[in-house]
Amino acid sequence: LDIDGKRQFMPQFWAKRDQKPETPRNEYRDD
């Protein structure tokens, strides 16, 4: 990926690991 691709990749990377998508925060990424 170039810089633009990385900026699109990272939100999806963390979204897949969001253990509680029903909450407004991604606690997994935060921690």
PDB file of all heavy atoms in Angstrom:
ATOM      1  N   LEU A   1       0.816  -1.215   0.000  1.00  0.00           N
ATOM      2  CA  LEU A   1       0.000   0.000   0.000  1.00  0.00           C
ATOM      3  C   LEU A   1       0.849   1.263   0.000  1.00  0.00           C
ATOM      4  O   LEU A   1       1.915   1.319   0.626  1.00  0.00           O
ATOM      5  CB  LEU A   1      -0.920   0.019   1.216  1.00  0.00           C
ATOM      6  CG  LEU A   1      -1.914  -1.151   1.334  1.00  0.00           C
ATOM      7  CD1 LEU A   1      -2.675  -1.056   2.646  1.00  0.00           C
ATOM      8  CD2 LEU A   1      -2.877  -1.155   0.153  1.00  0.00           C
ATOM      9  N   ASP A   2       0.353   2.284  -0.705  1.00  0.00           N
ATOM     10  CA  ASP A   2       0.942   3.609  -0.576  1.00  0.00           C
ATOM     11  C   ASP A   2       0.266   4.320   0.595  1.00  0.00           C
ATOM     12  O   ASP A   2      -0.571   3.732   1.306  1.00  0.00           O
ATOM     13  CB  ASP A   2       0.797   4.400  -1.880  1.00  0.00           C
ATOM     14  CG  ASP A   2      -0.673   4.579  -2.302  1.00  0.00           C
ATOM     15  OD1 ASP A   2      -1.573   4.295  -1.492  1.00  0.00           O
ATOM     16  OD2 ASP A   2      -0.902   4.998  -3.453  1.00  0.00           O
ATOM     17  N   ILE A   3       0.590   5.593   0.809  1.00  0.00           N
ATOM     18  CA  ILE A   3       0.073   6.300   1.971  1.00  0.00           C
ATOM     19  C   ILE A   3      -1.449   6.376   1.960  1.00  0.00           C
ATOM     20  O   ILE A   3      -2.104   6.188   2.990  1.00  0.00           O
ATOM     21  CB  ILE A   3       0.692   7.723   2.076  1.00  0.00           C
ATOM     22  CG1 ILE A   3       0.128   8.484   3.288  1.00  0.00           C
ATOM     23  CG2 ILE A   3       0.487   8.500   0.793  1.00  0.00           C
ATOM     24  CD1 ILE A   3       0.399   7.837   4.620  1.00  0.00           C
ATOM     25  N   ASP A   4      -2.055   6.599   0.781  1.00  0.00           N
ATOM     26  CA  ASP A   4      -3.518   6.671   0.721  1.00  0.00           C
ATOM     27  C   ASP A   4      -4.144   5.314   1.036  1.00  0.00           C
ATOM     28  O   ASP A   4      -5.171   5.235   1.725  1.00  0.00           O
ATOM     29  CB  ASP A   4      -3.963   7.147  -0.663  1.00  0.00           C
ATOM     30  CG  ASP A   4      -3.598   8.605  -0.920  1.00  0.00           C
ATOM     31  OD1 ASP A   4      -3.548   9.366   0.066  1.00  0.00           O
ATOM     32  OD2 ASP A   4      -3.362   8.968  -2.084  1.00  0.00           O
ATOM     33  N   GLY A   5      -3.539   4.255   0.530  1.00  0.00           N
ATOM     34  CA  GLY A   5      -4.055   2.923   0.812  1.00  0.00           C
ATOM     35  C   GLY A   5      -3.972   2.578   2.290  1.00  0.00           C
ATOM     36  O   GLY A   5      -4.875   1.949   2.845  1.00  0.00           O
ATOM     37  N   LYS A   6      -2.893   3.008   2.931  1.00  0.00           N
ATOM     38  CA  LYS A   6      -2.730   2.737   4.364  1.00  0.00           C
ATOM     39  C   LYS A   6      -3.794   3.473   5.179  1.00  0.00           C
ATOM     40  O   LYS A   6      -4.288   2.955   6.186  1.00  0.00           O
ATOM     41  CB  LYS A   6      -1.330   3.140   4.812  1.00  0.00           C
ATOM     42  CG  LYS A   6      -0.223   2.264   4.232  1.00  0.00           C
ATOM     43  CD  LYS A   6       1.165   2.793   4.542  1.00  0.00           C
ATOM     44  CE  LYS A   6       2.235   1.908   3.919  1.00  0.00           C
ATOM     45  NZ  LYS A   6       3.608   2.413   4.169  1.00  0.00           N
ATOM     46  N   ARG A   7      -4.121   4.674   4.721  1.00  0.00           N
ATOM     47  CA  ARG A   7      -5.135   5.443   5.441  1.00  0.00           C
ATOM     48  C   ARG A   7      -6.524   4.838   5.293  1.00  0.00           C
ATOM     49  O   ARG A   7      -7.391   5.065   6.140  1.00  0.00           O
ATOM     50  CB  ARG A   7      -5.124   6.895   4.932  1.00  0.00           C
ATOM     51  CG  ARG A   7      -3.927   7.683   5.440  1.00  0.00           C
ATOM     52  CD  ARG A   7      -3.778   9.024   4.771  1.00  0.00           C
ATOM     53  NE  ARG A   7      -2.714   9.795   5.431  1.00  0.00           N
ATOM     54  CZ  ARG A   7      -2.070  10.804   4.874  1.00  0.00           C
ATOM     55  NH1 ARG A   7      -2.371  11.172   3.632  1.00  0.00           N
ATOM     56  NH2 ARG A   7      -1.126  11.447   5.532  1.00  0.00           N
ATOM     57  N   GLN A   8      -6.751   4.070   4.256  1.00  0.00           N
ATOM     58  CA  GLN A   8      -8.019   3.370   4.108  1.00  0.00           C
ATOM     59  C   GLN A   8      -7.987   1.995   4.769  1.00  0.00           C
ATOM     60  O   GLN A   8      -9.017   1.495   5.223  1.00  0.00           O
ATOM     61  CB  GLN A   8      -8.347   3.224   2.616  1.00  0.00           C
ATOM     62  CG  GLN A   8      -8.587   4.546   1.894  1.00  0.00           C
ATOM     63  CD  GLN A   8      -8.831   4.368   0.420  1.00  0.00           C
ATOM     64  OE1 GLN A   8      -9.343   3.334  -0.011  1.00  0.00           O
ATOM     65  NE2 GLN A   8      -8.462   5.360  -0.371  1.00  0.00           N
ATOM     66  N   PHE A   9      -6.802   1.415   4.836  1.00  0.00           N
ATOM     67  CA  PHE A   9      -6.651   0.071   5.391  1.00  0.00           C
ATOM     68  C   PHE A   9      -6.853   0.054   6.908  1.00  0.00           C
ATOM     69  O   PHE A   9      -7.511  -0.839   7.453  1.00  0.00           O
ATOM     70  CB  PHE A   9      -5.258  -0.460   5.032  1.00  0.00           C
ATOM     71  CG  PHE A   9      -4.916  -1.795   5.636  1.00  0.00           C
ATOM     72  CD1 PHE A   9      -5.220  -2.975   4.974  1.00  0.00           C
ATOM     73  CD2 PHE A   9      -4.280  -1.881   6.876  1.00  0.00           C
ATOM     74  CE1 PHE A   9      -4.900  -4.210   5.528  1.00  0.00           C
ATOM     75  CE2 PHE A   9      -3.965  -3.095   7.438  1.00  0.00           C
ATOM     76  CZ  PHE A   9      -4.274  -4.263   6.754  1.00  0.00           C
ATOM     77  N   MET A  10      -6.271   1.026   7.615  1.00  0.00           N
ATOM     78  CA  MET A  10      -6.247   0.973   9.074  1.00  0.00           C
ATOM     79  C   MET A  10      -7.626   0.991   9.723  1.00  0.00           C
ATOM     80  O   MET A  10      -7.863   0.243  10.683  1.00  0.00           O
ATOM     81  CB  MET A  10      -5.374   2.105   9.627  1.00  0.00           C
ATOM     82  CG  MET A  10      -3.890   1.942   9.338  1.00  0.00           C
ATOM     83  SD  MET A  10      -3.227   0.352   9.896  1.00  0.00           S
ATOM     84  CE  MET A  10      -3.402   0.520  11.687  1.00  0.00           C
ATOM     85  N   PRO A  11      -8.598   1.813   9.247  1.00  0.00           N
ATOM     86  CA  PRO A  11      -9.929   1.747   9.867  1.00  0.00           C
ATOM     87  C   PRO A  11     -10.558   0.357   9.765  1.00  0.00           C
ATOM     88  O   PRO A  11     -11.178  -0.121  10.718  1.00  0.00           O
ATOM     89  CB  PRO A  11     -10.737   2.787   9.083  1.00  0.00           C
ATOM     90  CG  PRO A  11      -9.717   3.750   8.577  1.00  0.00           C
ATOM     91  CD  PRO A  11      -8.514   2.922   8.264  1.00  0.00           C
ATOM     92  N   GLN A  12     -10.373  -0.300   8.621  1.00  0.00           N
ATOM     93  CA  GLN A  12     -10.931  -1.642   8.460  1.00  0.00           C
ATOM     94  C   GLN A  12     -10.183  -2.664   9.314  1.00  0.00           C
ATOM     95  O   GLN A  12     -10.773  -3.619   9.826  1.00  0.00           O
ATOM     96  CB  GLN A  12     -10.880  -2.045   6.984  1.00  0.00           C
ATOM     97  CG  GLN A  12     -11.680  -1.126   6.057  1.00  0.00           C
ATOM     98  CD  GLN A  12     -13.145  -1.063   6.451  1.00  0.00           C
ATOM     99  OE1 GLN A  12     -13.715  -2.063   6.884  1.00  0.00           O
ATOM    100  NE2 GLN A  12     -13.751   0.107   6.316  1.00  0.00           N
ATOM    101  N   PHE A  13      -8.875  -2.480   9.457  1.00  0.00           N
ATOM    102  CA  PHE A  13      -8.059  -3.374  10.290  1.00  0.00           C
ATOM    103  C   PHE A  13      -8.600  -3.418  11.718  1.00  0.00           C
ATOM    104  O   PHE A  13      -8.765  -4.495  12.315  1.00  0.00           O
ATOM    105  CB  PHE A  13      -6.606  -2.898  10.280  1.00  0.00           C
ATOM    106  CG  PHE A  13      -5.694  -3.650  11.199  1.00  0.00           C
ATOM    107  CD1 PHE A  13      -5.151  -4.868  10.820  1.00  0.00           C
ATOM    108  CD2 PHE A  13      -5.373  -3.138  12.448  1.00  0.00           C
ATOM    109  CE1 PHE A  13      -4.301  -5.562  11.671  1.00  0.00           C
ATOM    110  CE2 PHE A  13      -4.528  -3.828  13.307  1.00  0.00           C
ATOM    111  CZ  PHE A  13      -3.984  -5.043  12.918  1.00  0.00           C
ATOM    112  N   TRP A  14      -8.902  -2.248  12.274  1.00  0.00           N
ATOM    113  CA  TRP A  14      -9.394  -2.195  13.658  1.00  0.00           C
ATOM    114  C   TRP A  14     -10.868  -2.579  13.751  1.00  0.00           C
ATOM    115  O   TRP A  14     -11.297  -3.166  14.749  1.00  0.00           O
ATOM    116  CB  TRP A  14      -9.167  -0.810  14.247  1.00  0.00           C
ATOM    117  CG  TRP A  14      -7.726  -0.497  14.472  1.00  0.00           C
ATOM    118  CD1 TRP A  14      -6.974   0.450  13.847  1.00  0.00           C
ATOM    119  CD2 TRP A  14      -6.839  -1.150  15.394  1.00  0.00           C
ATOM    120  NE1 TRP A  14      -5.685   0.429  14.318  1.00  0.00           N
ATOM    121  CE2 TRP A  14      -5.573  -0.543  15.270  1.00  0.00           C
ATOM    122  CE3 TRP A  14      -6.996  -2.189  16.317  1.00  0.00           C
ATOM    123  CZ2 TRP A  14      -4.469  -0.930  16.018  1.00  0.00           C
ATOM    124  CZ3 TRP A  14      -5.890  -2.582  17.063  1.00  0.00           C
ATOM    125  CH2 TRP A  14      -4.651  -1.967  16.918  1.00  0.00           C
ATOM    126  N   ALA A  15     -11.645  -2.253  12.704  1.00  0.00           N
ATOM    127  CA  ALA A  15     -13.074  -2.581  12.738  1.00  0.00           C
ATOM    128  C   ALA A  15     -13.282  -4.085  12.847  1.00  0.00           C
ATOM    129  O   ALA A  15     -14.201  -4.552  13.532  1.00  0.00           O
ATOM    130  CB  ALA A  15     -13.765  -2.033  11.493  1.00  0.00           C
ATOM    131  N   LYS A  16     -12.440  -4.878  12.178  1.00  0.00           N
ATOM    132  CA  LYS A  16     -12.573  -6.338  12.229  1.00  0.00           C
ATOM    133  C   LYS A  16     -12.302  -6.887  13.621  1.00  0.00           C
ATOM    134  O   LYS A  16     -12.695  -8.007  13.938  1.00  0.00           O
ATOM    135  CB  LYS A  16     -11.618  -6.981  11.226  1.00  0.00           C
ATOM    136  CG  LYS A  16     -12.024  -6.791   9.780  1.00  0.00           C
ATOM    137  CD  LYS A  16     -11.212  -7.658   8.839  1.00  0.00           C
ATOM    138  CE  LYS A  16      -9.769  -7.240   8.796  1.00  0.00           C
ATOM    139  NZ  LYS A  16      -9.011  -7.991   7.773  1.00  0.00           N
ATOM    140  N   ARG A  17     -11.623  -6.108  14.452  1.00  0.00           N
ATOM    141  CA  ARG A  17     -11.263  -6.575  15.789  1.00  0.00           C
ATOM    142  C   ARG A  17     -12.123  -5.950  16.880  1.00  0.00           C
ATOM    143  O   ARG A  17     -11.874  -6.167  18.066  1.00  0.00           O
ATOM    144  CB  ARG A  17      -9.780  -6.268  16.049  1.00  0.00           C
ATOM    145  CG  ARG A  17      -8.878  -7.157  15.208  1.00  0.00           C
ATOM    146  CD  ARG A  17      -7.458  -6.635  15.087  1.00  0.00           C
ATOM    147  NE  ARG A  17      -6.632  -7.619  14.418  1.00  0.00           N
ATOM    148  CZ  ARG A  17      -6.594  -7.801  13.099  1.00  0.00           C
ATOM    149  NH1 ARG A  17      -7.343  -7.040  12.317  1.00  0.00           N
ATOM    150  NH2 ARG A  17      -5.828  -8.735  12.566  1.00  0.00           N
ATOM    151  N   ASP A  18     -13.094  -5.159  16.473  1.00  0.00           N
ATOM    152  CA  ASP A  18     -13.999  -4.528  17.437  1.00  0.00           C
ATOM    153  C   ASP A  18     -14.879  -5.606  18.058  1.00  0.00           C
ATOM    154  O   ASP A  18     -15.756  -6.164  17.401  1.00  0.00           O
ATOM    155  CB  ASP A  18     -14.847  -3.476  16.735  1.00  0.00           C
ATOM    156  CG  ASP A  18     -15.690  -2.676  17.722  1.00  0.00           C
ATOM    157  OD1 ASP A  18     -15.482  -2.831  18.938  1.00  0.00           O
ATOM    158  OD2 ASP A  18     -16.538  -1.904  17.270  1.00  0.00           O
ATOM    159  N   GLN A  19     -14.638  -5.913  19.320  1.00  0.00           N
ATOM    160  CA  GLN A  19     -15.350  -6.997  19.988  1.00  0.00           C
ATOM    161  C   GLN A  19     -16.763  -6.603  20.397  1.00  0.00           C
ATOM    162  O   GLN A  19     -17.580  -7.473  20.706  1.00  0.00           O
ATOM    163  CB  GLN A  19     -14.537  -7.447  21.219  1.00  0.00           C
ATOM    164  CG  GLN A  19     -13.174  -7.999  20.858  1.00  0.00           C
ATOM    165  CD  GLN A  19     -12.295  -8.215  22.073  1.00  0.00           C
ATOM    166  OE1 GLN A  19     -12.515  -7.654  23.141  1.00  0.00           O
ATOM    167  NE2 GLN A  19     -11.276  -9.049  21.911  1.00  0.00           N
ATOM    168  N   LYS A  20     -17.043  -5.302  20.418  1.00  0.00           N
ATOM    169  CA  LYS A  20     -18.373  -4.829  20.792  1.00  0.00           C
ATOM    170  C   LYS A  20     -18.813  -3.736  19.831  1.00  0.00           C
ATOM    171  O   LYS A  20     -18.846  -2.563  20.172  1.00  0.00           O
ATOM    172  CB  LYS A  20     -18.364  -4.330  22.240  1.00  0.00           C
ATOM    173  CG  LYS A  20     -18.136  -5.416  23.276  1.00  0.00           C
ATOM    174  CD  LYS A  20     -18.160  -4.871  24.670  1.00  0.00           C
ATOM    175  CE  LYS A  20     -16.928  -4.028  24.928  1.00  0.00           C
ATOM    176  NZ  LYS A  20     -16.875  -3.526  26.318  1.00  0.00           N
ATOM    177  N   PRO A  21     -19.137  -4.121  18.596  1.00  0.00           N
ATOM    178  CA  PRO A  21     -19.515  -3.107  17.602  1.00  0.00           C
ATOM    179  C   PRO A  21     -20.790  -2.361  17.945  1.00  0.00           C
ATOM    180  O   PRO A  21     -21.074  -1.325  17.339  1.00  0.00           O
ATOM    181  CB  PRO A  21     -19.677  -3.930  16.318  1.00  0.00           C
ATOM    182  CG  PRO A  21     -19.955  -5.327  16.783  1.00  0.00           C
ATOM    183  CD  PRO A  21     -19.172  -5.494  18.045  1.00  0.00           C
ATOM    184  N   GLU A  22     -21.557  -2.872  18.906  1.00  0.00           N
ATOM    185  CA  GLU A  22     -22.789  -2.176  19.278  1.00  0.00           C
ATOM    186  C   GLU A  22     -22.513  -0.951  20.139  1.00  0.00           C
ATOM    187  O   GLU A  22     -23.406  -0.140  20.382  1.00  0.00           O
ATOM    188  CB  GLU A  22     -23.727  -3.126  20.027  1.00  0.00           C
ATOM    189  CG  GLU A  22     -23.278  -3.517  21.432  1.00  0.00           C
ATOM    190  CD  GLU A  22     -22.252  -4.640  21.447  1.00  0.00           C
ATOM    191  OE1 GLU A  22     -21.826  -5.069  20.354  1.00  0.00           O
ATOM    192  OE2 GLU A  22     -21.886  -5.108  22.553  1.00  0.00           O
ATOM    193  N   THR A  23     -21.271  -0.789  20.618  1.00  0.00           N
ATOM    194  CA  THR A  23     -20.912   0.391  21.401  1.00  0.00           C
ATOM    195  C   THR A  23     -20.258   1.422  20.501  1.00  0.00           C
ATOM    196  O   THR A  23     -19.690   1.092  19.456  1.00  0.00           O
ATOM    197  CB  THR A  23     -19.945   0.022  22.541  1.00  0.00           C
ATOM    198  OG1 THR A  23     -18.715  -0.457  21.976  1.00  0.00           O
ATOM    199  CG2 THR A  23     -20.551  -1.039  23.446  1.00  0.00           C
ATOM    200  N   PRO A  24     -20.316   2.702  20.872  1.00  0.00           N
ATOM    201  CA  PRO A  24     -19.803   3.750  19.991  1.00  0.00           C
ATOM    202  C   PRO A  24     -18.286   3.806  19.890  1.00  0.00           C
ATOM    203  O   PRO A  24     -17.763   4.463  19.003  1.00  0.00           O
ATOM    204  CB  PRO A  24     -20.353   5.033  20.618  1.00  0.00           C
ATOM    205  CG  PRO A  24     -20.595   4.697  22.043  1.00  0.00           C
ATOM    206  CD  PRO A  24     -21.005   3.251  22.048  1.00  0.00           C
ATOM    207  N   ARG A  25     -17.565   3.152  20.781  1.00  0.00           N
ATOM    208  CA  ARG A  25     -16.107   3.165  20.721  1.00  0.00           C
ATOM    209  C   ARG A  25     -15.589   1.792  20.333  1.00  0.00           C
ATOM    210  O   ARG A  25     -16.238   0.790  20.543  1.00  0.00           O
ATOM    211  CB  ARG A  25     -15.510   3.525  22.092  1.00  0.00           C
ATOM    212  CG  ARG A  25     -15.672   4.952  22.514  1.00  0.00           C
ATOM    213  CD  ARG A  25     -14.749   5.287  23.684  1.00  0.00           C
ATOM    214  NE  ARG A  25     -14.756   4.236  24.696  1.00  0.00           N
ATOM    215  CZ  ARG A  25     -13.763   3.366  24.878  1.00  0.00           C
ATOM    216  NH1 ARG A  25     -12.695   3.401  24.124  1.00  0.00           N
ATOM    217  NH2 ARG A  25     -13.839   2.453  25.816  1.00  0.00           N
ATOM    218  N   ASN A  26     -14.381   1.764  19.813  1.00  0.00           N
ATOM    219  CA  ASN A  26     -13.680   0.508  19.588  1.00  0.00           C
ATOM    220  C   ASN A  26     -12.739   0.314  20.773  1.00  0.00           C
ATOM    221  O   ASN A  26     -11.591   0.770  20.766  1.00  0.00           O
ATOM    222  CB  ASN A  26     -12.901   0.566  18.264  1.00  0.00           C
ATOM    223  CG  ASN A  26     -12.317  -0.789  17.895  1.00  0.00           C
ATOM    224  OD1 ASN A  26     -11.897  -1.546  18.757  1.00  0.00           O
ATOM    225  ND2 ASN A  26     -12.288  -1.082  16.611  1.00  0.00           N
ATOM    226  N   GLU A  27     -13.240  -0.350  21.811  1.00  0.00           N
ATOM    227  CA  GLU A  27     -12.469  -0.509  23.037  1.00  0.00           C
ATOM    228  C   GLU A  27     -11.172  -1.273  22.806  1.00  0.00           C
ATOM    229  O   GLU A  27     -10.156  -1.021  23.460  1.00  0.00           O
ATOM    230  CB  GLU A  27     -13.310  -1.213  24.110  1.00  0.00           C
ATOM    231  CG  GLU A  27     -14.490  -0.416  24.634  1.00  0.00           C
ATOM    232  CD  GLU A  27     -15.720  -0.527  23.765  1.00  0.00           C
ATOM    233  OE1 GLU A  27     -15.658  -1.225  22.721  1.00  0.00           O
ATOM    234  OE2 GLU A  27     -16.748   0.075  24.117  1.00  0.00           O
ATOM    235  N   TYR A  28     -11.218  -2.214  21.860  1.00  0.00           N
ATOM    236  CA  TYR A  28     -10.033  -3.022  21.588  1.00  0.00           C
ATOM    237  C   TYR A  28      -8.891  -2.131  21.083  1.00  0.00           C
ATOM    238  O   TYR A  28      -7.762  -2.213  21.568  1.00  0.00           O
ATOM    239  CB  TYR A  28     -10.359  -4.100  20.555  1.00  0.00           C
ATOM    240  CG  TYR A  28      -9.225  -5.065  20.282  1.00  0.00           C
ATOM    241  CD1 TYR A  28      -9.116  -6.255  20.988  1.00  0.00           C
ATOM    242  CD2 TYR A  28      -8.271  -4.787  19.313  1.00  0.00           C
ATOM    243  CE1 TYR A  28      -8.080  -7.140  20.743  1.00  0.00           C
ATOM    244  CE2 TYR A  28      -7.222  -5.649  19.063  1.00  0.00           C
ATOM    245  CZ  TYR A  28      -7.136  -6.830  19.778  1.00  0.00           C
ATOM    246  OH  TYR A  28      -6.098  -7.699  19.540  1.00  0.00           O
ATOM    247  N   ARG A  29      -9.178  -1.275  20.121  1.00  0.00           N
ATOM    248  CA  ARG A  29      -8.150  -0.387  19.579  1.00  0.00           C
ATOM    249  C   ARG A  29      -7.662   0.579  20.646  1.00  0.00           C
ATOM    250  O   ARG A  29      -6.449   0.837  20.769  1.00  0.00           O
ATOM    251  CB  ARG A  29      -8.704   0.402  18.390  1.00  0.00           C
ATOM    252  CG  ARG A  29      -7.718   1.416  17.807  1.00  0.00           C
ATOM    253  CD  ARG A  29      -8.341   2.180  16.653  1.00  0.00           C
ATOM    254  NE  ARG A  29      -7.392   3.084  16.026  1.00  0.00           N
ATOM    255  CZ  ARG A  29      -7.191   4.348  16.387  1.00  0.00           C
ATOM    256  NH1 ARG A  29      -7.895   4.858  17.393  1.00  0.00           N
ATOM    257  NH2 ARG A  29      -6.307   5.104  15.754  1.00  0.00           N
ATOM    258  N   ASP A  30      -8.586   1.108  21.412  1.00  0.00           N
ATOM    259  CA  ASP A  30      -8.235   2.055  22.473  1.00  0.00           C
ATOM    260  C   ASP A  30      -7.231   1.442  23.439  1.00  0.00           C
ATOM    261  O   ASP A  30      -6.179   2.018  23.731  1.00  0.00           O
ATOM    262  CB  ASP A  30      -9.499   2.479  23.211  1.00  0.00           C
ATOM    263  CG  ASP A  30      -9.252   3.631  24.167  1.00  0.00           C
ATOM    264  OD1 ASP A  30      -8.174   4.236  24.099  1.00  0.00           O
ATOM    265  OD2 ASP A  30     -10.141   3.931  24.973  1.00  0.00           O
ATOM    266  N   ASP A  31      -7.551   0.236  23.946  1.00  0.00           N
ATOM    267  CA  ASP A  31      -6.674  -0.417  24.907  1.00  0.00           C
ATOM    268  C   ASP A  31      -5.323  -0.773  24.282  1.00  0.00           C
ATOM    269  O   ASP A  31      -4.269  -0.618  24.907  1.00  0.00           O
ATOM    270  CB  ASP A  31      -7.340  -1.686  25.459  1.00  0.00           C
ATOM    271  CG  ASP A  31      -8.509  -1.369  26.388  1.00  0.00           C
ATOM    272  OD1 ASP A  31      -8.609  -0.204  26.821  1.00  0.00           O
ATOM    273  OD2 ASP A  31      -9.306  -2.270  26.673  1.00  0.00           O
TER     274      ASP A  31
END
